[in-house]
C-alpha atoms as a PDB file:
ATOM      1  CA  MET A   1     -75.965  75.700 -21.323  1.00  0.00           C
ATOM      2  CA  PRO A   2     -78.439  74.649 -24.049  1.00  0.00           C
ATOM      3  CA  LYS A   3     -81.677  76.629 -24.098  1.00  0.00           C
ATOM      4  CA  THR A   4     -83.766  73.479 -23.711  1.00  0.00           C
ATOM      5  CA  VAL A   5     -81.967  72.574 -20.498  1.00  0.00           C
ATOM      6  CA  PHE A   6     -82.360  76.099 -19.167  1.00  0.00           C
ATOM      7  CA  PHE A   7     -86.119  76.089 -19.667  1.00  0.00           C
ATOM      8  CA  ALA A   8     -86.300  72.582 -18.243  1.00  0.00           C
ATOM      9  CA  ILE A   9     -84.788  73.984 -15.062  1.00  0.00           C
ATOM     10  CA  LEU A  10     -87.475  76.626 -14.942  1.00  0.00           C
ATOM     11  CA  ALA A  11     -90.137  73.979 -15.381  1.00  0.00           C
ATOM     12  CA  SER A  12     -88.758  71.358 -13.062  1.00  0.00           C
ATOM     13  CA  ALA A  13     -88.187  73.906 -10.319  1.00  0.00           C
ATOM     14  CA  MET A  14     -91.990  73.579 -10.120  1.00  0.00           C
ATOM     15  CA  THR A  15     -92.977  77.226 -10.380  1.00  0.00           C
ATOM     16  CA  LEU A  16     -92.561  80.590 -12.003  1.00  0.00           C
ATOM     17  CA  ILE A  17     -92.754  83.323  -9.410  1.00  0.00           C
ATOM     18  CA  ALA A  18     -95.581  85.821  -9.668  1.00  0.00           C
ATOM     19  CA  SER A  19     -94.352  88.761  -7.628  1.00  0.00           C
ATOM     20  CA  PRO A  20     -96.827  91.113  -5.948  1.00  0.00           C
ATOM     21  CA  SER A  21     -95.983  93.719  -8.596  1.00  0.00           C
ATOM     22  CA  ALA A  22     -96.517  91.352 -11.527  1.00  0.00           C
ATOM     23  CA  LYS A  23     -98.639  92.951 -14.245  1.00  0.00           C
ATOM     24  CA  SER A  24    -101.705  90.843 -14.828  1.00  0.00           C
ATOM     25  CA  GLU A  25    -105.149  91.937 -15.910  1.00  0.00           C
ATOM     26  CA  GLU A  26    -106.815  89.454 -13.605  1.00  0.00           C
ATOM     27  CA  THR A  27    -104.822  90.441 -10.506  1.00  0.00           C
ATOM     28  CA  LYS A  28    -104.731  94.247 -10.957  1.00  0.00           C
ATOM     29  CA  PRO A  29    -108.206  94.869  -9.518  1.00  0.00           C
ATOM     30  CA  ALA A  30    -107.337  93.003  -6.311  1.00  0.00           C
ATOM     31  CA  MET A  31    -104.301  95.151  -5.498  1.00  0.00           C
ATOM     32  CA  THR A  32    -106.186  98.071  -3.928  1.00  0.00           C
ATOM     33  CA  SER A  33    -105.024  99.949  -0.831  1.00  0.00           C
ATOM     34  CA  GLU A  34    -107.311  97.703   1.241  1.00  0.00           C
ATOM     35  CA  THR A  35    -105.779  94.623  -0.365  1.00  0.00           C
ATOM     36  CA  LYS A  36    -102.256  95.862   0.275  1.00  0.00           C
ATOM     37  CA  ALA A  37    -103.190  96.407   3.915  1.00  0.00           C
ATOM     38  CA  LEU A  38    -104.325  92.794   4.104  1.00  0.00           C
ATOM     39  CA  LEU A  39    -100.892  91.740   2.868  1.00  0.00           C
ATOM     40  CA  LYS A  40     -99.354  93.134   6.043  1.00  0.00           C
ATOM     41  CA  PRO A  41     -99.068  90.248   8.516  1.00  0.00           C
ATOM     42  CA  GLU A  42    -100.653  90.392  11.934  1.00  0.00           C
ATOM     43  CA  LYS A  43     -97.401  88.899  13.140  1.00  0.00           C
ATOM     44  CA  SER A  44     -94.310  87.298  11.647  1.00  0.00           C
ATOM     45  CA  GLY A  45     -90.966  85.977  12.729  1.00  0.00           C
ATOM     46  CA  LEU A  46     -88.570  83.066  12.744  1.00  0.00           C
ATOM     47  CA  LEU A  47     -89.062  79.698  14.426  1.00  0.00           C
ATOM     48  CA  PRO A  48     -86.116  77.330  14.955  1.00  0.00           C
ATOM     49  CA  ILE A  49     -87.371  73.830  14.132  1.00  0.00           C
ATOM     50  CA  ASP A  50     -84.999  70.855  13.957  1.00  0.00           C
ATOM     51  CA  GLY A  51     -82.034  72.842  12.656  1.00  0.00           C
ATOM     52  CA  VAL A  52     -83.996  75.079  10.252  1.00  0.00           C
ATOM     53  CA  ASN A  53     -84.920  78.671  11.077  1.00  0.00           C
ATOM     54  CA  TYR A  54     -88.368  78.952   9.469  1.00  0.00           C
ATOM     55  CA  TYR A  55     -89.926  82.263   8.523  1.00  0.00           C
ATOM     56  CA  TYR A  56     -93.674  82.508   9.087  1.00  0.00           C
ATOM     57  CA  ALA A  57     -96.280  85.251   8.731  1.00  0.00           C
ATOM     58  CA  VAL A  58     -99.870  85.291   9.981  1.00  0.00           C
ATOM     59  CA  TYR A  59    -102.647  87.196   8.188  1.00  0.00           C
ATOM     60  CA  GLY A  60    -106.354  87.743   8.748  1.00  0.00           C
ATOM     61  CA  LYS A  61    -108.879  86.311  11.190  1.00  0.00           C
ATOM     62  CA  GLY A  62    -110.840  83.076  11.338  1.00  0.00           C
ATOM     63  CA  GLU A  63    -110.165  79.359  11.179  1.00  0.00           C
ATOM     64  CA  PRO A  64    -106.446  78.656  10.641  1.00  0.00           C
ATOM     65  CA  LEU A  65    -105.156  77.795   7.152  1.00  0.00           C
ATOM     66  CA  LEU A  66    -101.513  76.783   6.655  1.00  0.00           C
ATOM     67  CA  LEU A  67    -100.406  77.907   3.179  1.00  0.00           C
ATOM     68  CA  LEU A  68     -97.316  76.326   1.562  1.00  0.00           C
ATOM     69  CA  HIS A  69     -95.677  77.619  -1.616  1.00  0.00           C
ATOM     70  CA  GLY A  70     -93.926  75.910  -4.539  1.00  0.00           C
ATOM     71  CA  GLY A  71     -90.284  75.226  -5.329  1.00  0.00           C
ATOM     72  CA  LEU A  72     -87.967  78.209  -5.865  1.00  0.00           C
ATOM     73  CA  GLY A  73     -90.752  80.422  -4.575  1.00  0.00           C
ATOM     74  CA  SER A  74     -91.793  81.804  -1.224  1.00  0.00           C
ATOM     75  CA  SER A  75     -94.998  82.691   0.561  1.00  0.00           C
ATOM     76  CA  ASP A  76     -94.924  85.947  -1.441  1.00  0.00           C
ATOM     77  CA  MET A  77     -96.013  84.077  -4.562  1.00  0.00           C
ATOM     78  CA  PHE A  78     -99.557  83.893  -3.137  1.00  0.00           C
ATOM     79  CA  ALA A  79     -99.766  87.715  -2.918  1.00  0.00           C
ATOM     80  CA  PRO A  80    -102.467  88.056  -5.620  1.00  0.00           C
ATOM     81  CA  ILE A  81    -104.885  85.696  -3.813  1.00  0.00           C
ATOM     82  CA  LEU A  82    -103.757  85.703  -0.175  1.00  0.00           C
ATOM     83  CA  PRO A  83    -105.987  88.696   0.743  1.00  0.00           C
ATOM     84  CA  LYS A  84    -109.072  86.772  -0.372  1.00  0.00           C
ATOM     85  CA  PHE A  85    -108.169  83.895   1.921  1.00  0.00           C
ATOM     86  CA  ALA A  86    -107.327  86.326   4.737  1.00  0.00           C
ATOM     87  CA  GLU A  87    -110.824  87.810   4.532  1.00  0.00           C
ATOM     88  CA  HIS A  88    -112.167  84.458   5.746  1.00  0.00           C
ATOM     89  CA  ARG A  89    -109.246  82.721   7.446  1.00  0.00           C
ATOM     90  CA  THR A  90    -106.246  83.132   9.692  1.00  0.00           C
ATOM     91  CA  VAL A  91    -103.603  82.384   7.080  1.00  0.00           C
ATOM     92  CA  ILE A  92    -100.278  80.996   8.304  1.00  0.00           C
ATOM     93  CA  ALA A  93     -97.803  81.388   5.452  1.00  0.00           C
ATOM     94  CA  VAL A  94     -94.444  79.628   5.823  1.00  0.00           C
ATOM     95  CA  ASP A  95     -91.288  79.891   3.709  1.00  0.00           C
ATOM     96  CA  LEU A  96     -90.052  76.331   3.250  1.00  0.00           C
ATOM     97  CA  GLN A  97     -86.471  75.209   3.912  1.00  0.00           C
ATOM     98  CA  GLY A  98     -84.032  77.146   1.732  1.00  0.00           C
ATOM     99  CA  HIS A  99     -86.778  79.342   0.273  1.00  0.00           C
ATOM    100  CA  GLY A 100     -87.692  82.969   0.808  1.00  0.00           C
ATOM    101  CA  ARG A 101     -86.632  84.169   4.238  1.00  0.00           C
ATOM    102  CA  THR A 102     -85.835  80.666   5.500  1.00  0.00           C
ATOM    103  CA  ALA A 103     -82.162  79.723   5.169  1.00  0.00           C
ATOM    104  CA  LEU A 104     -81.225  76.380   3.613  1.00  0.00           C
ATOM    105  CA  GLY A 105     -78.924  75.373   6.440  1.00  0.00           C
ATOM    106  CA  GLU A 106     -77.061  72.074   6.474  1.00  0.00           C
ATOM    107  CA  ARG A 107     -79.920  69.662   7.080  1.00  0.00           C
ATOM    108  CA  PRO A 108     -80.820  67.315   4.190  1.00  0.00           C
ATOM    109  CA  PHE A 109     -83.730  68.500   2.045  1.00  0.00           C
ATOM    110  CA  SER A 110     -86.707  66.127   2.266  1.00  0.00           C
ATOM    111  CA  LEU A 111     -90.490  66.216   2.150  1.00  0.00           C
ATOM    112  CA  GLY A 112     -90.769  63.987   5.215  1.00  0.00           C
ATOM    113  CA  ALA A 113     -88.629  66.229   7.395  1.00  0.00           C
ATOM    114  CA  MET A 114     -90.479  69.349   6.270  1.00  0.00           C
ATOM    115  CA  GLY A 115     -93.806  67.611   6.914  1.00  0.00           C
ATOM    116  CA  ASP A 116     -92.692  67.065  10.517  1.00  0.00           C
ATOM    117  CA  ASP A 117     -91.512  70.667  10.673  1.00  0.00           C
ATOM    118  CA  MET A 118     -94.902  72.040   9.587  1.00  0.00           C
ATOM    119  CA  ALA A 119     -96.650  70.128  12.362  1.00  0.00           C
ATOM    120  CA  ALA A 120     -94.131  71.524  14.838  1.00  0.00           C
ATOM    121  CA  ILE A 121     -94.667  75.078  13.547  1.00  0.00           C
ATOM    122  CA  VAL A 122     -98.429  74.767  13.893  1.00  0.00           C
ATOM    123  CA  LYS A 123     -98.030  73.557  17.467  1.00  0.00           C
ATOM    124  CA  ALA A 124     -95.497  76.276  18.300  1.00  0.00           C
ATOM    125  CA  LEU A 125     -97.963  78.907  17.094  1.00  0.00           C
ATOM    126  CA  GLY A 126    -100.625  77.542  19.420  1.00  0.00           C
ATOM    127  CA  TYR A 127    -102.857  75.565  17.051  1.00  0.00           C
ATOM    128  CA  ASP A 128    -103.974  71.997  17.654  1.00  0.00           C
ATOM    129  CA  LYS A 129    -105.416  71.465  14.173  1.00  0.00           C
ATOM    130  CA  VAL A 130    -105.334  73.469  10.924  1.00  0.00           C
ATOM    131  CA  ASP A 131    -106.491  73.232   7.359  1.00  0.00           C
ATOM    132  CA  VAL A 132    -103.541  72.919   4.973  1.00  0.00           C
ATOM    133  CA  MET A 133    -103.133  74.022   1.372  1.00  0.00           C
ATOM    134  CA  GLY A 134     -99.907  73.306  -0.498  1.00  0.00           C
ATOM    135  CA  TYR A 135     -98.915  74.022  -4.083  1.00  0.00           C
ATOM    136  CA  SER A 136     -96.450  71.799  -5.984  1.00  0.00           C
ATOM    137  CA  LEU A 137     -93.463  71.305  -3.645  1.00  0.00           C
ATOM    138  CA  GLY A 138     -95.660  72.720  -0.882  1.00  0.00           C
ATOM    139  CA  GLY A 139     -98.321  70.173  -1.814  1.00  0.00           C
ATOM    140  CA  GLY A 140     -95.798  67.396  -1.276  1.00  0.00           C
ATOM    141  CA  VAL A 141     -94.913  68.822   2.130  1.00  0.00           C
ATOM    142  CA  ALA A 142     -98.626  69.116   2.958  1.00  0.00           C
ATOM    143  CA  PHE A 143     -99.129  65.475   1.943  1.00  0.00           C
ATOM    144  CA  ARG A 144     -96.306  64.304   4.226  1.00  0.00           C
ATOM    145  CA  MET A 145     -97.612  66.435   7.100  1.00  0.00           C
ATOM    146  CA  ALA A 146    -101.087  64.905   6.718  1.00  0.00           C
ATOM    147  CA  VAL A 147     -99.736  61.341   6.552  1.00  0.00           C
ATOM    148  CA  GLN A 148     -97.264  61.758   9.403  1.00  0.00           C
ATOM    149  CA  HIS A 149     -99.400  64.018  11.626  1.00  0.00           C
ATOM    150  CA  PRO A 150    -103.056  63.392  10.754  1.00  0.00           C
ATOM    151  CA  GLU A 151    -104.144  64.707  14.126  1.00  0.00           C
ATOM    152  CA  ALA A 152    -102.909  68.171  13.111  1.00  0.00           C
ATOM    153  CA  VAL A 153    -104.714  68.400   9.739  1.00  0.00           C
ATOM    154  CA  ARG A 154    -108.454  69.002   9.505  1.00  0.00           C
ATOM    155  CA  ARG A 155    -108.767  69.417   5.728  1.00  0.00           C
ATOM    156  CA  LEU A 156    -106.120  69.101   3.044  1.00  0.00           C
ATOM    157  CA  VAL A 157    -105.843  70.830  -0.352  1.00  0.00           C
ATOM    158  CA  MET A 158    -103.073  69.829  -2.748  1.00  0.00           C
ATOM    159  CA  VAL A 159    -102.614  72.054  -5.786  1.00  0.00           C
ATOM    160  CA  SER A 160    -100.661  70.703  -8.785  1.00  0.00           C
ATOM    161  CA  THR A 161     -99.326  67.814  -6.730  1.00  0.00           C
ATOM    162  CA  GLY A 162     -98.776  64.186  -7.719  1.00  0.00           C
ATOM    163  CA  TYR A 163     -98.430  61.036  -5.641  1.00  0.00           C
ATOM    164  CA  ALA A 164     -95.620  59.448  -7.717  1.00  0.00           C
ATOM    165  CA  ALA A 165     -92.770  60.491  -9.993  1.00  0.00           C
ATOM    166  CA  ASN A 166     -94.329  58.706 -12.956  1.00  0.00           C
ATOM    167  CA  GLY A 167     -97.176  61.224 -12.882  1.00  0.00           C
ATOM    168  CA  PHE A 168     -95.061  63.806 -14.705  1.00  0.00           C
ATOM    169  CA  TYR A 169     -95.081  63.861 -18.473  1.00  0.00           C
ATOM    170  CA  ASP A 170     -92.304  61.545 -19.615  1.00  0.00           C
ATOM    171  CA  GLU A 171     -90.062  64.292 -20.973  1.00  0.00           C
ATOM    172  CA  MET A 172     -90.022  66.078 -17.605  1.00  0.00           C
ATOM    173  CA  ARG A 173     -87.989  63.525 -15.639  1.00  0.00           C
ATOM    174  CA  PRO A 174     -84.754  63.726 -17.690  1.00  0.00           C
ATOM    175  CA  GLN A 175     -85.029  67.510 -17.575  1.00  0.00           C
ATOM    176  CA  GLN A 176     -85.475  67.535 -13.818  1.00  0.00           C
ATOM    177  CA  ALA A 177     -82.365  65.395 -13.423  1.00  0.00           C
ATOM    178  CA  GLN A 178     -80.264  68.205 -14.878  1.00  0.00           C
ATOM    179  CA  VAL A 179     -81.079  70.811 -12.229  1.00  0.00           C
ATOM    180  CA  SER A 180     -77.919  71.824 -10.341  1.00  0.00           C
ATOM    181  CA  ALA A 181     -75.801  74.753  -9.169  1.00  0.00           C
ATOM    182  CA  ALA A 182     -74.411  75.001 -12.722  1.00  0.00           C
ATOM    183  CA  ALA A 183     -77.630  76.767 -13.716  1.00  0.00           C
ATOM    184  CA  ALA A 184     -77.280  79.584 -11.163  1.00  0.00           C
ATOM    185  CA  GLU A 185     -75.376  81.964 -13.435  1.00  0.00           C
ATOM    186  CA  PHE A 186     -77.923  81.541 -16.215  1.00  0.00           C
ATOM    187  CA  MET A 187     -80.835  82.323 -13.889  1.00  0.00           C
ATOM    188  CA  LYS A 188     -79.725  85.730 -12.641  1.00  0.00           C
ATOM    189  CA  ASP A 189     -82.208  87.559 -14.865  1.00  0.00           C
ATOM    190  CA  THR A 190     -85.149  85.340 -13.899  1.00  0.00           C
ATOM    191  CA  PRO A 191     -87.947  86.162 -11.424  1.00  0.00           C
ATOM    192  CA  MET A 192     -86.904  83.169  -9.327  1.00  0.00           C
ATOM    193  CA  TYR A 193     -83.406  84.481  -8.698  1.00  0.00           C
ATOM    194  CA  LYS A 194     -84.482  88.102  -8.235  1.00  0.00           C
ATOM    195  CA  SER A 195     -87.189  87.130  -5.750  1.00  0.00           C
ATOM    196  CA  TYR A 196     -84.758  84.899  -3.884  1.00  0.00           C
ATOM    197  CA  VAL A 197     -81.970  87.445  -3.425  1.00  0.00           C
ATOM    198  CA  ALA A 198     -84.459  90.148  -2.445  1.00  0.00           C
ATOM    199  CA  VAL A 199     -85.354  88.398   0.831  1.00  0.00           C
ATOM    200  CA  ALA A 200     -83.025  85.419   1.427  1.00  0.00           C
ATOM    201  CA  PRO A 201     -80.929  85.630   4.610  1.00  0.00           C
ATOM    202  CA  LYS A 202     -77.986  84.191   2.628  1.00  0.00           C
ATOM    203  CA  PRO A 203     -78.401  85.127  -1.071  1.00  0.00           C
ATOM    204  CA  GLU A 204     -75.135  83.369  -1.885  1.00  0.00           C
ATOM    205  CA  ASP A 205     -76.859  80.045  -1.122  1.00  0.00           C
ATOM    206  CA  PHE A 206     -78.858  80.091  -4.370  1.00  0.00           C
ATOM    207  CA  PRO A 207     -76.533  77.595  -6.136  1.00  0.00           C
ATOM    208  CA  LYS A 208     -76.733  75.315  -3.075  1.00  0.00           C
ATOM    209  CA  LEU A 209     -80.516  75.473  -3.227  1.00  0.00           C
ATOM    210  CA  LEU A 210     -80.445  74.413  -6.900  1.00  0.00           C
ATOM    211  CA  ASP A 211     -78.193  71.495  -5.976  1.00  0.00           C
ATOM    212  CA  ALA A 212     -80.556  70.506  -3.160  1.00  0.00           C
ATOM    213  CA  LEU A 213     -83.615  70.698  -5.424  1.00  0.00           C
ATOM    214  CA  GLY A 214     -81.835  68.796  -8.175  1.00  0.00           C
ATOM    215  CA  ALA A 215     -80.840  65.984  -5.826  1.00  0.00           C
ATOM    216  CA  PHE A 216     -84.385  65.906  -4.459  1.00  0.00           C
ATOM    217  CA  MET A 217     -85.956  65.684  -7.934  1.00  0.00           C
ATOM    218  CA  ARG A 218     -83.603  62.961  -9.120  1.00  0.00           C
ATOM    219  CA  LYS A 219     -85.028  60.606  -6.506  1.00  0.00           C
ATOM    220  CA  ASP A 220     -87.833  58.301  -7.554  1.00  0.00           C
ATOM    221  CA  TYR A 221     -90.889  58.240  -5.307  1.00  0.00           C
ATOM    222  CA  ASP A 222     -94.296  56.607  -5.088  1.00  0.00           C
ATOM    223  CA  PHE A 223     -96.595  57.445  -2.177  1.00  0.00           C
ATOM    224  CA  SER A 224     -99.556  55.424  -3.473  1.00  0.00           C
ATOM    225  CA  ALA A 225     -99.436  53.033  -0.508  1.00  0.00           C
ATOM    226  CA  GLU A 226     -99.844  55.995   1.861  1.00  0.00           C
ATOM    227  CA  VAL A 227    -102.688  57.761   0.056  1.00  0.00           C
ATOM    228  CA  PRO A 228    -105.302  55.636   1.921  1.00  0.00           C
ATOM    229  CA  LYS A 229    -103.911  57.005   5.182  1.00  0.00           C
ATOM    230  CA  LEU A 230    -105.480  60.367   4.330  1.00  0.00           C
ATOM    231  CA  LYS A 231    -108.730  60.026   6.289  1.00  0.00           C
ATOM    232  CA  MET A 232    -109.437  63.761   6.444  1.00  0.00           C
ATOM    233  CA  PRO A 233    -111.333  65.419   3.546  1.00  0.00           C
ATOM    234  CA  VAL A 234    -108.917  66.027   0.650  1.00  0.00           C
ATOM    235  CA  MET A 235    -109.211  68.271  -2.399  1.00  0.00           C
ATOM    236  CA  LEU A 236    -106.993  68.026  -5.477  1.00  0.00           C
ATOM    237  CA  VAL A 237    -106.639  71.017  -7.800  1.00  0.00           C
ATOM    238  CA  TYR A 238    -104.901  71.126 -11.195  1.00  0.00           C
ATOM    239  CA  GLY A 239    -104.699  73.358 -14.214  1.00  0.00           C
ATOM    240  CA  ASP A 240    -106.119  71.743 -17.331  1.00  0.00           C
ATOM    241  CA  SER A 241    -102.637  72.082 -18.860  1.00  0.00           C
ATOM    242  CA  ASP A 242    -100.652  71.041 -15.796  1.00  0.00           C
ATOM    243  CA  MET A 243     -97.296  69.197 -15.808  1.00  0.00           C
ATOM    244  CA  TYR A 244     -99.030  66.048 -14.551  1.00  0.00           C
ATOM    245  CA  LYS A 245    -100.681  63.565 -16.877  1.00  0.00           C
ATOM    246  CA  PRO A 246    -104.504  63.787 -16.653  1.00  0.00           C
ATOM    247  CA  GLU A 247    -104.709  60.050 -15.982  1.00  0.00           C
ATOM    248  CA  HIS A 248    -102.415  60.516 -12.956  1.00  0.00           C
ATOM    249  CA  GLU A 249    -104.662  63.242 -11.585  1.00  0.00           C
ATOM    250  CA  ILE A 250    -107.767  61.063 -11.996  1.00  0.00           C
ATOM    251  CA  LYS A 251    -106.032  58.041 -10.483  1.00  0.00           C
ATOM    252  CA  PHE A 252    -105.060  60.134  -7.454  1.00  0.00           C
ATOM    253  CA  PHE A 253    -108.698  61.167  -7.003  1.00  0.00           C
ATOM    254  CA  GLN A 254    -109.867  57.570  -7.352  1.00  0.00           C
ATOM    255  CA  MET A 255    -107.307  56.385  -4.801  1.00  0.00           C
ATOM    256  CA  LEU A 256    -108.912  58.857  -2.400  1.00  0.00           C
ATOM    257  CA  GLY A 257    -112.317  57.287  -3.035  1.00  0.00           C
ATOM    258  CA  GLY A 258    -113.650  59.802  -5.535  1.00  0.00           C
ATOM    259  CA  GLY A 259    -114.665  59.218  -9.137  1.00  0.00           C
ATOM    260  CA  LEU A 260    -115.617  55.586  -8.572  1.00  0.00           C
ATOM    261  CA  LYS A 261    -119.398  55.781  -9.018  1.00  0.00           C
ATOM    262  CA  ASP A 262    -122.254  58.140  -9.739  1.00  0.00           C
ATOM    263  CA  ALA A 263    -123.074  60.323  -6.721  1.00  0.00           C
ATOM    264  CA  GLY A 264    -126.771  59.477  -6.879  1.00  0.00           C
ATOM    265  CA  TRP A 265    -129.909  61.588  -7.322  1.00  0.00           C
ATOM    266  CA  MET A 266    -129.806  62.678  -3.667  1.00  0.00           C
ATOM    267  CA  ARG A 267    -125.980  62.825  -3.591  1.00  0.00           C
ATOM    268  CA  GLU A 268    -126.047  59.796  -1.320  1.00  0.00           C
ATOM    269  CA  HIS A 269    -122.832  58.409  -2.793  1.00  0.00           C
ATOM    270  CA  LEU A 270    -120.964  61.710  -2.898  1.00  0.00           C
ATOM    271  CA  SER A 271    -117.338  61.356  -1.834  1.00  0.00           C
ATOM    272  CA  GLN A 272    -116.004  63.594   0.948  1.00  0.00           C
ATOM    273  CA  ASN A 273    -113.100  64.410  -1.357  1.00  0.00           C
ATOM    274  CA  ARG A 274    -113.032  66.830  -4.279  1.00  0.00           C
ATOM    275  CA  LEU A 275    -111.283  67.293  -7.619  1.00  0.00           C
ATOM    276  CA  ALA A 276    -111.047  70.634  -9.452  1.00  0.00           C
ATOM    277  CA  ILE A 277    -109.582  71.158 -12.920  1.00  0.00           C
ATOM    278  CA  ILE A 278    -109.199  74.881 -13.589  1.00  0.00           C
ATOM    279  CA  PRO A 279    -109.458  75.746 -17.294  1.00  0.00           C
ATOM    280  CA  ASN A 280    -106.810  77.773 -19.117  1.00  0.00           C
ATOM    281  CA  ARG A 281    -104.250  77.227 -16.345  1.00  0.00           C
ATOM    282  CA  THR A 282    -100.839  75.587 -16.269  1.00  0.00           C
ATOM    283  CA  HIS A 283     -98.588  74.422 -13.468  1.00  0.00           C
ATOM    284  CA  TYR A 284     -96.883  77.813 -13.593  1.00  0.00           C
ATOM    285  CA  ASP A 285     -99.886  80.070 -13.057  1.00  0.00           C
ATOM    286  CA  VAL A 286    -102.544  78.007 -11.280  1.00  0.00           C
ATOM    287  CA  PHE A 287    -101.294  79.123  -7.856  1.00  0.00           C
ATOM    288  CA  PHE A 288    -102.548  82.685  -8.341  1.00  0.00           C
ATOM    289  CA  ALA A 289    -105.730  81.897 -10.291  1.00  0.00           C
ATOM    290  CA  PRO A 290    -108.803  83.609  -8.760  1.00  0.00           C
ATOM    291  CA  GLU A 291    -110.672  80.344  -9.346  1.00  0.00           C
ATOM    292  CA  LEU A 292    -108.380  78.688  -6.809  1.00  0.00           C
ATOM    293  CA  VAL A 293    -109.943  80.716  -4.014  1.00  0.00           C
ATOM    294  CA  ALA A 294    -113.491  80.285  -5.331  1.00  0.00           C
ATOM    295  CA  SER A 295    -113.166  76.512  -5.634  1.00  0.00           C
ATOM    296  CA  THR A 296    -111.287  75.747  -2.410  1.00  0.00           C
ATOM    297  CA  LEU A 297    -112.902  78.032   0.180  1.00  0.00           C
ATOM    298  CA  PRO A 298    -116.258  76.192   0.218  1.00  0.00           C
ATOM    299  CA  PHE A 299    -114.385  72.910   0.623  1.00  0.00           C
ATOM    300  CA  LEU A 300    -112.254  74.301   3.436  1.00  0.00           C
ATOM    301  CA  ASP A 301    -115.405  75.588   5.124  1.00  0.00           C
ATOM    302  CA  GLY A 302    -117.018  72.157   4.875  1.00  0.00           C
ATOM    303  CA  VAL A 303    -119.809  73.369   2.598  1.00  0.00           C
ATOM    304  CA  THR A 304    -121.362  70.470   0.687  1.00  0.00           C
ATOM    305  CA  LYS A 305    -124.978  71.521   0.237  1.00  0.00           C
ATOM    306  CA  VAL A 306    -126.096  72.886  -3.104  1.00  0.00           C
ATOM    307  CA  LYS A 307    -129.559  73.793  -4.287  1.00  0.00           C
ATOM    308  CA  THR A 308    -131.528  70.910  -5.726  1.00  0.00           C
ATOM    309  CA  TRP A 309    -133.221  71.032  -9.119  1.00  0.00           C
ATOM    310  CA  ASP A 310    -136.581  71.145  -7.329  1.00  0.00           C
ATOM    311  CA  GLU A 311    -135.491  74.148  -5.243  1.00  0.00           C
ATOM    312  CA  ILE A 312    -134.286  76.016  -8.307  1.00  0.00           C
ATOM    313  CA  VAL A 313    -137.502  75.308 -10.228  1.00  0.00           C
ATOM    314  CA  SER A 314    -139.567  76.394  -7.221  1.00  0.00           C
ATOM    315  CA  GLU A 315    -137.761  79.716  -7.102  1.00  0.00           C
END
């Protein structure tokens, strides 16, 4: 397999896994004994939903936050930042179909079906309404959940997520089309494969998962007509070097009603929706950036007030 195709598979799989033991200067300080204790779920288990046996884990206390990971990852990829969320929230982390501890099964792989599944999981766990944060593939699932089950979503955060296939840089689409089981043998030394086989109920399904992801990514999609259906507050987050074109990110924000006019001296025209561009981050590391917690928690908590210039001068 040509090297360019191999790395395309890594890219188009939508994530590079950052394991809890990954060596990173910015995440080392967080992994204290107290932090590790926070990584132990209050409860976890499997929920059979429409032919898929979903793994879930619940952490922390507070308002519920459903957290959805990226492609070829699992809920474990949030390990560096999950404790920070769990300090403020009840975090419900789910391994998506075919990922982590959730078996692929025989059901077709689709965002719409998984969006329905997430709403069913939330209900099965006893919640009427939750905040939802999804990264990449998880962002797509979060989008479908919010469109299909708006009554179940209070606030929505989509991280490194587009609304249409043409949002990717042009060279990405042909690369994505090449993802298939043929790449499995070449990926055995990668973090994606090692993380998968460490917890998957059927490790031998890894080639089938690549086939499912490849077939999924070869499909064209455009959800622009459904973006206006998102009536709840929505936040978009990207790295400044993400795999999406900047104009696509801005257009998404504008379709949500943001970025259309000046907010006004008294913030009277401020949109309910938010856009964050995190500097020095790519699609493959934005999901564990400390800035992700700092930028999204106030939004999730509904905090909009900031000090005025007059208040600051008076101080």
